[in-house]
Amino acid sequence: MNSFKNRIIRAAMLDVNLYEEVEADKGAMSQAMGIVVLSSIAAGVGLIEKGGFSGIFTGTIASLFGWYVWAYLTYFIGTKFLSEPQTKADHGELLRTIGFSSSPGLIRVLGIIPGLREVVFFTASIWMLVAMVIAVRQALDYNSTLRAVGVCVIGWVIQILILMLLFSILGGGA
């Protein structure tokens, strides 16, 4: 457990070596999934005033689905369209590194404090995006941070379009 906590802290501190470590550690998949779940629960607790307890469950499921879809899109875009000569990765490496990039999202639990929700969620979003860029850069062995930003932005836009389509098909509205 100490190793898990240590990894969460290092991921949130944007430790490049941590992202290299979890990229190579096939046994870190459950930890990565755990961080996504914990981060999602933290967001649900931070939004409990708006979404209630059912929002925590729904948000957790949606976050796990989003994590998987975004990792797959990132893998596909980063290895097929925007790869560099040294780019070599598999989907699992991206799932692990992107999972750990959700670590800063744990602070969203502080959104439960009246008057702080918007600031906390905005800060967490920016912090998680920066962590994801680092995770993608490391997992895809990029030399260019700008390329990693491009992959993340393209994947995010496509993911949003997919979610909007799913919501419209399932009648949830977007």
Protein backbone atom coordinates (compact mmCIF):
# COMPACT_ATOMS: atom_id res chain seq x y z
CA MET A 1 0.00 0.00 0.00
CA ASN A 2 2.87 2.37 0.77
CA SER A 3 4.17 1.87 -2.77
CA PHE A 4 0.73 2.70 -4.18
CA LYS A 5 0.46 5.88 -2.10
CA ASN A 6 4.01 6.82 -3.08
CA ARG A 7 3.17 6.33 -6.77
CA ILE A 8 0.06 8.49 -6.47
CA ILE A 9 2.08 11.31 -4.91
CA ARG A 10 4.86 11.01 -7.49
CA ALA A 11 2.33 11.01 -10.34
CA ALA A 12 0.66 14.12 -8.94
CA MET A 13 4.08 15.75 -8.60
CA LEU A 14 4.54 15.11 -12.34
CA ASP A 15 7.55 12.85 -11.76
CA VAL A 16 8.63 11.76 -15.26
CA ASN A 17 10.42 8.74 -13.79
CA LEU A 18 7.18 7.51 -12.23
CA TYR A 19 5.47 7.52 -15.63
CA GLU A 20 8.37 5.55 -17.12
CA GLU A 21 8.13 3.13 -14.19
CA VAL A 22 4.41 2.40 -14.59
CA GLU A 23 4.75 2.22 -18.36
CA ALA A 24 7.11 -0.72 -17.89
CA ASP A 25 5.27 -2.31 -14.93
CA LYS A 26 2.54 -4.57 -16.33
CA GLY A 27 1.47 -5.29 -12.76
CA ALA A 28 0.49 -1.63 -12.25
CA MET A 29 -2.77 -1.92 -14.22
CA SER A 30 -4.87 -2.52 -11.10
CA GLN A 31 -3.22 0.48 -9.43
CA ALA A 32 -3.95 2.65 -12.48
CA MET A 33 -7.57 1.53 -12.47
CA GLY A 34 -7.73 2.16 -8.73
CA ILE A 35 -6.55 5.74 -9.22
CA VAL A 36 -9.18 6.34 -11.91
CA VAL A 37 -11.87 4.97 -9.57
CA LEU A 38 -10.61 6.97 -6.56
CA SER A 39 -10.35 10.14 -8.64
CA SER A 40 -13.88 9.58 -9.95
CA ILE A 41 -15.24 9.01 -6.45
CA ALA A 42 -13.43 12.17 -5.29
CA ALA A 43 -15.16 14.10 -8.08
CA GLY A 44 -18.50 12.57 -7.12
CA VAL A 45 -18.05 13.54 -3.48
CA GLY A 46 -17.01 17.03 -4.57
CA LEU A 47 -20.20 17.26 -6.63
CA ILE A 48 -22.50 15.47 -4.19
CA GLU A 49 -24.54 18.63 -3.71
CA LYS A 50 -25.38 18.56 -7.42
CA GLY A 51 -25.47 14.86 -8.27
CA GLY A 52 -26.27 13.10 -5.03
CA PHE A 53 -25.02 9.62 -4.24
CA SER A 54 -26.16 8.19 -7.58
CA GLY A 55 -23.87 10.73 -9.26
CA ILE A 56 -20.87 9.10 -7.58
CA PHE A 57 -21.75 5.71 -9.07
CA THR A 58 -22.61 7.08 -12.51
CA GLY A 59 -19.53 9.30 -12.54
CA THR A 60 -17.26 6.42 -11.60
CA ILE A 61 -18.59 4.20 -14.39
CA ALA A 62 -18.40 7.06 -16.91
CA SER A 63 -14.83 7.87 -15.84
CA LEU A 64 -13.69 4.26 -16.25
CA PHE A 65 -15.27 4.14 -19.70
CA GLY A 66 -13.75 7.51 -20.61
CA TRP A 67 -10.31 6.42 -19.38
CA TYR A 68 -10.40 3.32 -21.55
CA VAL A 69 -11.70 5.15 -24.64
CA TRP A 70 -9.25 8.04 -24.28
CA ALA A 71 -6.33 5.64 -23.79
CA TYR A 72 -7.32 3.70 -26.90
CA LEU A 73 -7.74 6.87 -28.96
CA THR A 74 -4.42 8.18 -27.67
CA TYR A 75 -2.74 4.91 -28.57
CA PHE A 76 -4.22 4.90 -32.06
CA ILE A 77 -3.52 8.59 -32.81
CA GLY A 78 -0.11 8.56 -31.16
CA THR A 79 1.20 5.41 -32.82
CA LYS A 80 -0.52 5.55 -36.22
CA PHE A 81 -0.80 9.23 -37.11
CA LEU A 82 1.59 11.24 -34.96
CA SER A 83 4.32 8.77 -34.15
CA GLU A 84 8.00 9.63 -34.02
CA PRO A 85 10.64 7.20 -35.31
CA GLN A 86 11.28 5.82 -31.80
CA THR A 87 7.57 5.54 -30.85
CA LYS A 88 6.80 2.10 -29.53
CA ALA A 89 3.90 1.41 -27.19
CA ASP A 90 0.96 -0.83 -26.54
CA HIS A 91 -2.51 -0.05 -25.26
CA GLY A 92 -1.66 -1.32 -21.77
CA GLU A 93 1.21 1.13 -21.41
CA LEU A 94 -1.13 3.99 -22.17
CA LEU A 95 -3.85 2.68 -19.86
CA ARG A 96 -1.32 2.53 -17.02
CA THR A 97 0.30 5.92 -17.57
CA ILE A 98 -2.98 7.73 -18.27
CA GLY A 99 -4.53 6.07 -15.22
CA PHE A 100 -1.77 7.47 -13.05
CA SER A 101 -2.25 10.90 -14.63
CA SER A 102 -5.64 10.96 -12.86
CA SER A 103 -3.85 11.28 -9.51
CA PRO A 104 -4.28 15.07 -9.25
CA GLY A 105 -8.04 14.48 -9.55
CA LEU A 106 -8.08 13.24 -5.98
CA ILE A 107 -8.16 16.86 -4.81
CA ARG A 108 -11.66 17.17 -6.30
CA VAL A 109 -12.98 15.79 -3.02
CA LEU A 110 -12.31 19.30 -1.67
CA GLY A 111 -15.15 20.51 -3.90
CA ILE A 112 -17.46 19.56 -1.06
CA ILE A 113 -16.26 22.70 0.77
CA PRO A 114 -18.76 25.51 0.07
CA GLY A 115 -17.39 28.12 -2.31
CA LEU A 116 -14.38 26.07 -3.45
CA ARG A 117 -15.92 23.65 -5.94
CA GLU A 118 -15.25 25.62 -9.14
CA VAL A 119 -11.68 26.55 -8.19
CA VAL A 120 -10.85 23.01 -7.08
CA PHE A 121 -12.33 21.39 -10.19
CA PHE A 122 -10.64 23.88 -12.52
CA THR A 123 -7.28 23.40 -10.81
CA ALA A 124 -7.64 19.62 -10.88
CA SER A 125 -8.57 19.66 -14.57
CA ILE A 126 -5.51 21.67 -15.59
CA TRP A 127 -3.23 19.61 -13.34
CA MET A 128 -4.62 16.33 -14.73
CA LEU A 129 -4.18 17.57 -18.30
CA VAL A 130 -0.54 18.44 -17.67
CA ALA A 131 -0.03 15.01 -16.06
CA MET A 132 -1.67 13.35 -19.05
CA VAL A 133 0.62 15.13 -21.50
CA ILE A 134 3.62 13.87 -19.51
CA ALA A 135 2.11 10.37 -19.37
CA VAL A 136 1.53 10.30 -23.13
CA ARG A 137 4.98 11.71 -23.88
CA GLN A 138 6.59 9.00 -21.77
CA ALA A 139 4.39 6.10 -22.91
CA LEU A 140 4.84 6.93 -26.59
CA ASP A 141 8.55 7.72 -26.17
CA TYR A 142 8.14 11.15 -27.72
CA ASN A 143 10.92 13.72 -27.75
CA SER A 144 8.36 16.44 -28.40
CA THR A 145 6.03 17.62 -25.65
CA LEU A 146 4.08 19.57 -28.27
CA ARG A 147 3.35 16.32 -30.12
CA ALA A 148 2.04 14.81 -26.87
CA VAL A 149 -0.19 17.87 -26.39
CA GLY A 150 -1.53 17.40 -29.92
CA VAL A 151 -2.29 13.73 -29.33
CA CYS A 152 -4.10 14.53 -26.06
CA VAL A 153 -6.17 17.33 -27.59
CA ILE A 154 -7.16 15.33 -30.68
CA GLY A 155 -8.08 12.31 -28.52
CA TRP A 156 -10.06 14.50 -26.14
CA VAL A 157 -12.08 16.10 -28.95
CA ILE A 158 -12.86 12.70 -30.49
CA GLN A 159 -13.80 11.30 -27.07
CA ILE A 160 -16.20 14.21 -26.47
CA LEU A 161 -17.82 13.60 -29.86
CA ILE A 162 -18.21 9.88 -29.08
CA LEU A 163 -19.75 10.65 -25.68
CA MET A 164 -22.12 13.19 -27.21
CA LEU A 165 -23.19 10.61 -29.77
CA LEU A 166 -23.72 7.97 -27.08
CA PHE A 167 -25.73 10.36 -24.91
CA SER A 168 -27.92 11.34 -27.84
CA ILE A 169 -28.49 7.68 -28.80
CA LEU A 170 -29.23 6.66 -25.21
CA GLY A 171 -31.48 9.67 -24.70
CA GLY A 172 -29.35 11.38 -22.05
CA GLY A 173 -28.76 14.55 -24.05
CA ALA A 174 -25.32 16.10 -24.28
